[in-house]
Amino acid sequence: MDIRELSPADLDACVALNNAAIPAVSEADRAKMARLVDEGLVSLVAEHDGVIVGFCVNFGPGADYHSVNYRWFCDRYDDFAYLDRIVVAPEARSTGIGAALYAAVEEHISGTPWLFCEVNLRPRNDGSLRFHSRLGFVEVGQQETDYGILVSMLAKDLSVASETISAIGAG
């Protein structure tokens, strides 16, 4: 499996993956996906045998992005990366692709203290909640969206992770 930056040639495959994952992510057409990637801090794809099997889109502070969940974090934190969406093809789930995408994001945003995302509580996404807990995310709030979904606002403190890595390297 290869993880690389998302290119314009990847947009159609990412839109198809994205829309197959609704309601875990919001719907997107090609134009919306292109805007997300253009405005994003880092957007990555996971590819296996030439086929895109996952992707993610992340934003930093100050993006021209009007998601209520992104704005929730903007109102509370100054320096962060916000994972707006991550999608892994159903046939590729539980193979480590999601964790590999997160690890690649963390490499790309080195020096950023926080990585944020949200996971649906209504409709409940237990698999995603367990996955994020395993990766070290904790709930920092909940939000009832204006489109009727309750989400858990999750944060991973990357400064703690880098301090731990530094301590291990020094020992």
N, C-alpha and C. Protein backbone atom coordinates (compact mmCIF):
# COMPACT_ATOMS: atom_id res chain seq x y z
N MET A 1 0.84 -1.18 0.00
CA MET A 1 0.00 0.00 0.00
C MET A 1 0.89 1.24 0.00
N ASP A 2 0.49 2.23 -0.77
CA ASP A 2 1.20 3.50 -0.84
C ASP A 2 0.28 4.61 -0.34
N ILE A 3 0.84 5.53 0.42
CA ILE A 3 0.10 6.73 0.81
C ILE A 3 0.83 7.91 0.20
N ARG A 4 0.06 8.76 -0.48
CA ARG A 4 0.63 9.91 -1.17
C ARG A 4 -0.37 11.06 -1.14
N GLU A 5 0.10 12.23 -1.55
CA GLU A 5 -0.80 13.38 -1.61
C GLU A 5 -1.86 13.17 -2.67
N LEU A 6 -3.07 13.62 -2.38
CA LEU A 6 -4.20 13.51 -3.29
C LEU A 6 -3.98 14.47 -4.45
N SER A 7 -4.16 13.98 -5.67
CA SER A 7 -3.99 14.81 -6.86
C SER A 7 -5.33 15.00 -7.56
N PRO A 8 -5.43 15.96 -8.48
CA PRO A 8 -6.69 16.16 -9.21
C PRO A 8 -7.18 14.89 -9.91
N ALA A 9 -6.27 14.05 -10.36
CA ALA A 9 -6.66 12.81 -11.03
C ALA A 9 -7.37 11.83 -10.09
N ASP A 10 -7.25 12.04 -8.79
CA ASP A 10 -7.84 11.15 -7.78
C ASP A 10 -9.27 11.55 -7.40
N LEU A 11 -9.71 12.72 -7.83
CA LEU A 11 -10.97 13.27 -7.32
C LEU A 11 -12.17 12.37 -7.56
N ASP A 12 -12.32 11.82 -8.76
CA ASP A 12 -13.50 10.98 -9.04
C ASP A 12 -13.54 9.76 -8.13
N ALA A 13 -12.40 9.10 -7.93
CA ALA A 13 -12.36 7.93 -7.05
C ALA A 13 -12.68 8.33 -5.62
N CYS A 14 -12.19 9.49 -5.18
CA CYS A 14 -12.46 9.94 -3.81
C CYS A 14 -13.93 10.30 -3.62
N VAL A 15 -14.54 10.91 -4.63
CA VAL A 15 -15.97 11.24 -4.55
C VAL A 15 -16.79 9.95 -4.44
N ALA A 16 -16.45 8.94 -5.22
CA ALA A 16 -17.18 7.67 -5.16
C ALA A 16 -17.04 7.02 -3.78
N LEU A 17 -15.82 6.99 -3.24
CA LEU A 17 -15.62 6.43 -1.90
C LEU A 17 -16.39 7.25 -0.87
N ASN A 18 -16.28 8.56 -0.97
CA ASN A 18 -16.95 9.47 -0.03
C ASN A 18 -18.45 9.20 0.01
N ASN A 19 -19.08 9.20 -1.15
CA ASN A 19 -20.53 9.10 -1.19
C ASN A 19 -21.05 7.72 -0.83
N ALA A 20 -20.19 6.71 -0.92
CA ALA A 20 -20.56 5.37 -0.46
C ALA A 20 -20.52 5.28 1.06
N ALA A 21 -19.89 6.27 1.71
CA ALA A 21 -19.74 6.25 3.17
C ALA A 21 -20.73 7.14 3.91
N ILE A 22 -21.68 7.76 3.20
CA ILE A 22 -22.70 8.59 3.86
C ILE A 22 -23.54 7.68 4.76
N PRO A 23 -23.89 8.00 6.01
CA PRO A 23 -23.84 9.30 6.66
C PRO A 23 -22.59 9.54 7.51
N ALA A 24 -21.59 8.64 7.45
CA ALA A 24 -20.39 8.87 8.26
C ALA A 24 -19.67 10.13 7.81
N VAL A 25 -19.81 10.49 6.53
CA VAL A 25 -19.31 11.75 5.99
C VAL A 25 -20.42 12.39 5.19
N SER A 26 -20.30 13.69 4.95
CA SER A 26 -21.31 14.38 4.16
C SER A 26 -21.06 14.16 2.67
N GLU A 27 -22.13 14.26 1.90
CA GLU A 27 -22.06 14.07 0.46
C GLU A 27 -21.15 15.10 -0.19
N ALA A 28 -20.51 14.71 -1.28
CA ALA A 28 -19.67 15.64 -2.03
C ALA A 28 -19.72 15.28 -3.51
N ASP A 29 -19.78 16.31 -4.34
CA ASP A 29 -19.59 16.09 -5.77
C ASP A 29 -18.15 16.45 -6.12
N ARG A 30 -17.78 16.34 -7.38
CA ARG A 30 -16.39 16.58 -7.77
C ARG A 30 -15.97 18.02 -7.45
N ALA A 31 -16.85 18.99 -7.70
CA ALA A 31 -16.51 20.39 -7.44
C ALA A 31 -16.29 20.64 -5.95
N LYS A 32 -17.15 20.07 -5.11
CA LYS A 32 -16.99 20.25 -3.67
C LYS A 32 -15.69 19.59 -3.19
N MET A 33 -15.42 18.38 -3.68
CA MET A 33 -14.21 17.69 -3.26
C MET A 33 -12.97 18.49 -3.69
N ALA A 34 -13.00 19.04 -4.88
CA ALA A 34 -11.86 19.84 -5.36
C ALA A 34 -11.66 21.06 -4.46
N ARG A 35 -12.75 21.71 -4.05
CA ARG A 35 -12.65 22.88 -3.15
C ARG A 35 -12.07 22.47 -1.81
N LEU A 36 -12.53 21.33 -1.27
CA LEU A 36 -12.01 20.86 0.01
C LEU A 36 -10.50 20.62 -0.07
N VAL A 37 -10.08 19.95 -1.11
CA VAL A 37 -8.66 19.65 -1.27
C VAL A 37 -7.85 20.93 -1.47
N ASP A 38 -8.37 21.85 -2.28
CA ASP A 38 -7.66 23.12 -2.52
C ASP A 38 -7.50 23.94 -1.24
N GLU A 39 -8.52 23.95 -0.41
CA GLU A 39 -8.49 24.74 0.83
C GLU A 39 -7.77 24.00 1.95
N GLY A 40 -7.62 22.70 1.80
CA GLY A 40 -7.09 21.87 2.86
C GLY A 40 -5.61 22.07 3.16
N LEU A 41 -5.25 21.68 4.35
CA LEU A 41 -3.88 21.70 4.83
C LEU A 41 -3.09 20.54 4.22
N VAL A 42 -3.65 19.35 4.28
CA VAL A 42 -3.05 18.17 3.66
C VAL A 42 -4.18 17.20 3.32
N SER A 43 -4.11 16.66 2.11
CA SER A 43 -5.07 15.66 1.65
C SER A 43 -4.29 14.49 1.09
N LEU A 44 -4.62 13.30 1.54
CA LEU A 44 -3.85 12.11 1.19
C LEU A 44 -4.75 11.01 0.64
N VAL A 45 -4.17 10.13 -0.17
CA VAL A 45 -4.87 8.93 -0.61
C VAL A 45 -4.03 7.71 -0.24
N ALA A 46 -4.72 6.61 0.00
CA ALA A 46 -4.08 5.31 0.18
C ALA A 46 -4.42 4.50 -1.07
N GLU A 47 -3.38 3.94 -1.67
CA GLU A 47 -3.53 3.22 -2.92
C GLU A 47 -2.99 1.81 -2.77
N HIS A 48 -3.73 0.84 -3.28
CA HIS A 48 -3.29 -0.56 -3.25
C HIS A 48 -3.45 -1.12 -4.66
N ASP A 49 -2.36 -1.59 -5.23
CA ASP A 49 -2.36 -2.13 -6.59
C ASP A 49 -3.00 -1.17 -7.59
N GLY A 50 -2.69 0.12 -7.44
CA GLY A 50 -3.18 1.12 -8.38
C GLY A 50 -4.61 1.58 -8.15
N VAL A 51 -5.24 1.08 -7.11
CA VAL A 51 -6.63 1.44 -6.81
C VAL A 51 -6.66 2.24 -5.52
N ILE A 52 -7.37 3.36 -5.53
CA ILE A 52 -7.51 4.17 -4.32
C ILE A 52 -8.49 3.47 -3.38
N VAL A 53 -7.99 3.15 -2.18
CA VAL A 53 -8.81 2.43 -1.20
C VAL A 53 -9.11 3.27 0.03
N GLY A 54 -8.62 4.51 0.05
CA GLY A 54 -8.90 5.40 1.16
C GLY A 54 -8.36 6.78 0.87
N PHE A 55 -8.91 7.75 1.59
CA PHE A 55 -8.42 9.12 1.46
C PHE A 55 -8.79 9.91 2.71
N CYS A 56 -8.12 11.04 2.89
CA CYS A 56 -8.48 11.95 3.98
C CYS A 56 -8.20 13.38 3.55
N VAL A 57 -8.96 14.30 4.16
CA VAL A 57 -8.82 15.74 3.91
C VAL A 57 -8.73 16.43 5.26
N ASN A 58 -7.74 17.29 5.44
CA ASN A 58 -7.48 17.98 6.70
C ASN A 58 -7.39 19.48 6.48
N PHE A 59 -7.81 20.23 7.48
CA PHE A 59 -7.74 21.69 7.44
C PHE A 59 -6.94 22.22 8.63
N GLY A 60 -6.29 23.34 8.43
CA GLY A 60 -5.66 24.06 9.52
C GLY A 60 -6.53 25.23 9.91
N PRO A 61 -6.12 25.99 10.93
CA PRO A 61 -6.89 27.15 11.34
C PRO A 61 -6.93 28.20 10.23
N GLY A 62 -8.03 28.92 10.16
CA GLY A 62 -8.15 30.02 9.20
C GLY A 62 -8.59 29.61 7.82
N ALA A 63 -8.95 28.36 7.61
CA ALA A 63 -9.41 27.92 6.30
C ALA A 63 -10.77 28.55 5.98
N ASP A 64 -11.02 28.76 4.72
CA ASP A 64 -12.32 29.25 4.27
C ASP A 64 -13.24 28.05 4.13
N TYR A 65 -13.65 27.53 5.27
CA TYR A 65 -14.44 26.31 5.32
C TYR A 65 -15.51 26.52 6.38
N HIS A 66 -16.74 26.27 6.02
CA HIS A 66 -17.85 26.69 6.88
C HIS A 66 -18.54 25.54 7.60
N SER A 67 -17.88 24.41 7.73
CA SER A 67 -18.43 23.30 8.49
C SER A 67 -18.66 23.72 9.94
N VAL A 68 -19.82 23.39 10.49
CA VAL A 68 -20.10 23.75 11.89
C VAL A 68 -19.14 23.04 12.83
N ASN A 69 -18.70 21.84 12.46
CA ASN A 69 -17.78 21.11 13.32
C ASN A 69 -16.38 21.73 13.28
N TYR A 70 -15.92 22.10 12.10
CA TYR A 70 -14.63 22.79 11.98
C TYR A 70 -14.68 24.11 12.75
N ARG A 71 -15.76 24.85 12.62
CA ARG A 71 -15.91 26.14 13.32
C ARG A 71 -15.90 25.95 14.84
N TRP A 72 -16.47 24.85 15.32
CA TRP A 72 -16.47 24.55 16.76
C TRP A 72 -15.04 24.52 17.27
N PHE A 73 -14.16 23.83 16.55
CA PHE A 73 -12.76 23.77 16.96
C PHE A 73 -12.08 25.12 16.80
N CYS A 74 -12.37 25.84 15.72
CA CYS A 74 -11.77 27.18 15.50
C CYS A 74 -12.11 28.13 16.65
N ASP A 75 -13.31 28.01 17.18
CA ASP A 75 -13.74 28.89 18.28
C ASP A 75 -13.01 28.59 19.59
N ARG A 76 -12.36 27.44 19.69
CA ARG A 76 -11.76 27.02 20.96
C ARG A 76 -10.24 26.85 20.93
N TYR A 77 -9.66 26.71 19.76
CA TYR A 77 -8.23 26.41 19.64
C TYR A 77 -7.60 27.28 18.55
N ASP A 78 -6.33 27.62 18.72
CA ASP A 78 -5.62 28.46 17.77
C ASP A 78 -4.74 27.69 16.79
N ASP A 79 -4.14 26.60 17.23
CA ASP A 79 -3.17 25.89 16.42
C ASP A 79 -3.55 24.42 16.38
N PHE A 80 -3.92 23.92 15.20
CA PHE A 80 -4.42 22.55 15.10
C PHE A 80 -4.49 22.11 13.64
N ALA A 81 -4.75 20.84 13.47
CA ALA A 81 -5.18 20.28 12.19
C ALA A 81 -6.51 19.59 12.46
N TYR A 82 -7.44 19.79 11.56
CA TYR A 82 -8.78 19.22 11.68
C TYR A 82 -8.99 18.22 10.56
N LEU A 83 -9.20 16.98 10.92
CA LEU A 83 -9.47 15.95 9.94
C LEU A 83 -10.96 16.01 9.59
N ASP A 84 -11.24 16.58 8.45
CA ASP A 84 -12.63 16.78 8.04
C ASP A 84 -13.29 15.48 7.63
N ARG A 85 -12.55 14.68 6.89
CA ARG A 85 -13.12 13.40 6.46
C ARG A 85 -12.00 12.41 6.20
N ILE A 86 -12.29 11.18 6.56
CA ILE A 86 -11.43 10.05 6.22
C ILE A 86 -12.37 8.93 5.82
N VAL A 87 -12.07 8.31 4.69
CA VAL A 87 -12.91 7.23 4.17
C VAL A 87 -12.00 6.11 3.72
N VAL A 88 -12.35 4.89 4.11
CA VAL A 88 -11.67 3.68 3.65
C VAL A 88 -12.73 2.80 2.99
N ALA A 89 -12.40 2.28 1.83
CA ALA A 89 -13.32 1.39 1.10
C ALA A 89 -13.75 0.24 2.00
N PRO A 90 -15.03 -0.16 1.95
CA PRO A 90 -15.52 -1.23 2.82
C PRO A 90 -14.68 -2.49 2.76
N GLU A 91 -14.24 -2.88 1.57
CA GLU A 91 -13.47 -4.11 1.43
C GLU A 91 -12.05 -3.99 1.98
N ALA A 92 -11.61 -2.76 2.29
CA ALA A 92 -10.26 -2.53 2.79
C ALA A 92 -10.23 -2.17 4.28
N ARG A 93 -11.40 -2.15 4.92
CA ARG A 93 -11.45 -1.80 6.34
C ARG A 93 -10.82 -2.90 7.18
N SER A 94 -10.32 -2.50 8.34
CA SER A 94 -9.67 -3.42 9.28
C SER A 94 -8.38 -4.01 8.71
N THR A 95 -7.74 -3.28 7.81
CA THR A 95 -6.47 -3.73 7.24
C THR A 95 -5.32 -2.77 7.60
N GLY A 96 -5.61 -1.77 8.43
CA GLY A 96 -4.58 -0.83 8.84
C GLY A 96 -4.50 0.43 8.00
N ILE A 97 -5.35 0.55 6.99
CA ILE A 97 -5.28 1.72 6.10
C ILE A 97 -5.65 3.00 6.85
N GLY A 98 -6.70 2.97 7.64
CA GLY A 98 -7.10 4.16 8.40
C GLY A 98 -5.98 4.62 9.32
N ALA A 99 -5.40 3.69 10.06
CA ALA A 99 -4.30 4.05 10.97
C ALA A 99 -3.10 4.57 10.20
N ALA A 100 -2.83 4.00 9.03
CA ALA A 100 -1.70 4.46 8.21
C ALA A 100 -1.96 5.88 7.69
N LEU A 101 -3.19 6.18 7.31
CA LEU A 101 -3.52 7.54 6.88
C LEU A 101 -3.33 8.53 8.03
N TYR A 102 -3.80 8.17 9.22
CA TYR A 102 -3.62 9.05 10.38
C TYR A 102 -2.14 9.27 10.67
N ALA A 103 -1.34 8.21 10.61
CA ALA A 103 0.09 8.35 10.87
C ALA A 103 0.74 9.27 9.83
N ALA A 104 0.34 9.14 8.58
CA ALA A 104 0.88 10.01 7.53
C ALA A 104 0.46 11.46 7.74
N VAL A 105 -0.77 11.67 8.17
CA VAL A 105 -1.23 13.04 8.49
C VAL A 105 -0.35 13.61 9.59
N GLU A 106 -0.14 12.84 10.65
CA GLU A 106 0.68 13.33 11.76
C GLU A 106 2.09 13.69 11.31
N GLU A 107 2.65 12.93 10.38
CA GLU A 107 3.97 13.28 9.83
C GLU A 107 3.91 14.61 9.08
N HIS A 108 2.87 14.81 8.30
CA HIS A 108 2.73 16.03 7.50
C HIS A 108 2.50 17.27 8.37
N ILE A 109 1.90 17.10 9.54
CA ILE A 109 1.58 18.26 10.38
C ILE A 109 2.51 18.34 11.59
N SER A 110 3.68 17.76 11.46
CA SER A 110 4.65 17.77 12.55
C SER A 110 4.80 19.18 13.12
N GLY A 111 4.77 19.28 14.45
CA GLY A 111 4.86 20.57 15.12
C GLY A 111 3.51 21.16 15.47
N THR A 112 2.44 20.61 14.93
CA THR A 112 1.09 21.05 15.27
C THR A 112 0.67 20.36 16.56
N PRO A 113 0.16 21.11 17.55
CA PRO A 113 -0.11 20.48 18.85
C PRO A 113 -1.35 19.59 18.92
N TRP A 114 -2.33 19.82 18.05
CA TRP A 114 -3.60 19.09 18.16
C TRP A 114 -4.04 18.54 16.80
N LEU A 115 -4.63 17.36 16.84
CA LEU A 115 -5.34 16.81 15.70
C LEU A 115 -6.77 16.57 16.16
N PHE A 116 -7.72 17.16 15.44
CA PHE A 116 -9.13 17.09 15.80
C PHE A 116 -9.95 16.37 14.73
N CYS A 117 -11.05 15.81 15.16
CA CYS A 117 -12.06 15.24 14.27
C CYS A 117 -13.34 15.09 15.08
N GLU A 118 -14.38 14.66 14.40
CA GLU A 118 -15.60 14.34 15.12
C GLU A 118 -16.12 13.02 14.60
N VAL A 119 -16.90 12.35 15.45
CA VAL A 119 -17.50 11.07 15.11
C VAL A 119 -18.96 11.13 15.51
N ASN A 120 -19.80 10.59 14.65
CA ASN A 120 -21.24 10.60 14.91
C ASN A 120 -21.60 9.78 16.14
N LEU A 121 -22.41 10.41 17.01
CA LEU A 121 -23.05 9.71 18.12
C LEU A 121 -24.49 9.36 17.77
N ARG A 122 -25.08 10.18 16.90
CA ARG A 122 -26.44 9.92 16.40
C ARG A 122 -26.48 10.35 14.94
N PRO A 123 -26.50 9.43 13.95
CA PRO A 123 -26.47 7.98 14.14
C PRO A 123 -25.10 7.53 14.65
N ARG A 124 -25.12 6.58 15.53
CA ARG A 124 -23.91 6.16 16.24
C ARG A 124 -22.96 5.37 15.33
N ASN A 125 -21.69 5.74 15.41
CA ASN A 125 -20.65 5.06 14.63
C ASN A 125 -19.67 4.42 15.61
N ASP A 126 -20.06 3.28 16.18
CA ASP A 126 -19.26 2.62 17.20
C ASP A 126 -17.89 2.20 16.70
N GLY A 127 -17.81 1.74 15.46
CA GLY A 127 -16.52 1.33 14.91
C GLY A 127 -15.54 2.49 14.88
N SER A 128 -15.99 3.64 14.47
CA SER A 128 -15.13 4.82 14.41
C SER A 128 -14.76 5.29 15.82
N LEU A 129 -15.69 5.23 16.74
CA LEU A 129 -15.39 5.62 18.12
C LEU A 129 -14.30 4.72 18.72
N ARG A 130 -14.39 3.42 18.49
CA ARG A 130 -13.36 2.48 18.98
C ARG A 130 -12.02 2.75 18.31
N PHE A 131 -12.04 2.96 17.00
CA PHE A 131 -10.82 3.23 16.23
C PHE A 131 -10.11 4.46 16.77
N HIS A 132 -10.84 5.55 16.96
CA HIS A 132 -10.22 6.80 17.43
C HIS A 132 -9.71 6.67 18.87
N SER A 133 -10.41 5.93 19.68
CA SER A 133 -9.94 5.69 21.04
C SER A 133 -8.60 4.93 21.02
N ARG A 134 -8.49 3.93 20.16
CA ARG A 134 -7.22 3.18 20.04
C ARG A 134 -6.08 4.08 19.60
N LEU A 135 -6.38 5.11 18.80
CA LEU A 135 -5.34 6.02 18.31
C LEU A 135 -5.00 7.12 19.30
N GLY A 136 -5.71 7.16 20.43
CA GLY A 136 -5.38 8.15 21.46
C GLY A 136 -6.25 9.39 21.46
N PHE A 137 -7.34 9.39 20.74
CA PHE A 137 -8.26 10.53 20.74
C PHE A 137 -9.16 10.46 21.97
N VAL A 138 -9.48 11.62 22.52
CA VAL A 138 -10.41 11.73 23.65
C VAL A 138 -11.48 12.76 23.31
N GLU A 139 -12.64 12.59 23.91
CA GLU A 139 -13.72 13.53 23.66
C GLU A 139 -13.46 14.83 24.42
N VAL A 140 -13.60 15.95 23.72
CA VAL A 140 -13.46 17.27 24.33
C VAL A 140 -14.77 18.06 24.28
N GLY A 141 -15.82 17.43 23.79
CA GLY A 141 -17.12 18.06 23.74
C GLY A 141 -18.05 17.28 22.83
N GLN A 142 -19.30 17.75 22.81
CA GLN A 142 -20.30 17.20 21.89
C GLN A 142 -21.01 18.37 21.24
N GLN A 143 -21.53 18.11 20.06
CA GLN A 143 -22.25 19.16 19.36
C GLN A 143 -23.45 18.57 18.63
N GLU A 144 -24.58 19.23 18.83
CA GLU A 144 -25.79 18.91 18.07
C GLU A 144 -25.74 19.80 16.83
N THR A 145 -25.65 19.20 15.66
CA THR A 145 -25.53 20.00 14.44
C THR A 145 -26.89 20.51 13.98
N ASP A 146 -26.84 21.52 13.13
CA ASP A 146 -28.08 22.08 12.59
C ASP A 146 -28.71 21.16 11.55
N TYR A 147 -28.03 20.07 11.20
CA TYR A 147 -28.59 19.11 10.25
C TYR A 147 -29.00 17.80 10.95
N GLY A 148 -29.12 17.86 12.30
CA GLY A 148 -29.74 16.77 13.04
C GLY A 148 -28.84 15.63 13.47
N ILE A 149 -27.53 15.83 13.42
CA ILE A 149 -26.61 14.78 13.83
C ILE A 149 -25.89 15.23 15.10
N LEU A 150 -25.80 14.34 16.08
CA LEU A 150 -25.04 14.60 17.29
C LEU A 150 -23.65 14.01 17.10
N VAL A 151 -22.62 14.83 17.34
CA VAL A 151 -21.25 14.36 17.15
C VAL A 151 -20.44 14.50 18.42
N SER A 152 -19.47 13.61 18.56
CA SER A 152 -18.48 13.67 19.61
C SER A 152 -17.27 14.39 19.03
N MET A 153 -16.85 15.47 19.68
CA MET A 153 -15.70 16.25 19.23
C MET A 153 -14.46 15.63 19.86
N LEU A 154 -13.56 15.13 19.03
CA LEU A 154 -12.42 14.36 19.50
C LEU A 154 -11.10 15.11 19.27
N ALA A 155 -10.17 14.91 20.19
CA ALA A 155 -8.86 15.56 20.10
C ALA A 155 -7.76 14.57 20.43
N LYS A 156 -6.65 14.72 19.72
CA LYS A 156 -5.43 13.98 20.04
C LYS A 156 -4.36 15.02 20.30
N ASP A 157 -3.78 14.96 21.48
CA ASP A 157 -2.73 15.89 21.87
C ASP A 157 -1.41 15.40 21.28
N LEU A 158 -0.98 16.02 20.19
CA LEU A 158 0.24 15.59 19.51
C LEU A 158 1.49 16.04 20.23
N SER A 159 1.38 17.06 21.08
CA SER A 159 2.57 17.49 21.83
C SER A 159 2.97 16.42 22.84
N VAL A 160 2.01 15.72 23.40
CA VAL A 160 2.31 14.62 24.32
C VAL A 160 2.96 13.48 23.56
N ALA A 161 2.45 13.17 22.36
CA ALA A 161 3.02 12.09 21.56
C ALA A 161 4.46 12.41 21.19
N SER A 162 4.74 13.65 20.79
CA SER A 162 6.12 13.99 20.40
C SER A 162 7.04 14.02 21.62
N GLU A 163 6.53 14.42 22.78
CA GLU A 163 7.34 14.38 24.01
C GLU A 163 7.68 12.94 24.38
N THR A 164 6.72 12.04 24.20
CA THR A 164 6.96 10.63 24.49
C THR A 164 8.01 10.06 23.56
N ILE A 165 7.90 10.38 22.27
CA ILE A 165 8.87 9.91 21.28
C ILE A 165 10.25 10.46 21.61
N SER A 166 10.33 11.73 21.97
CA SER A 166 11.62 12.34 22.32
C SER A 166 12.23 11.65 23.54
N ALA A 167 11.39 11.36 24.54
CA ALA A 167 11.87 10.71 25.76
C ALA A 167 12.38 9.29 25.45
N ILE A 168 11.68 8.60 24.57
CA ILE A 168 12.10 7.25 24.20
C ILE A 168 13.44 7.31 23.46
N GLY A 169 13.55 8.28 22.55
CA GLY A 169 14.79 8.44 21.80
C GLY A 169 15.97 8.84 22.67
N ALA A 170 15.70 9.57 23.76
CA ALA A 170 16.76 10.03 24.66
C ALA A 170 17.21 8.93 25.61
N GLY A 171 16.35 7.91 25.77
CA GLY A 171 16.63 6.88 26.77
C GLY A 171 17.43 5.81 26.26
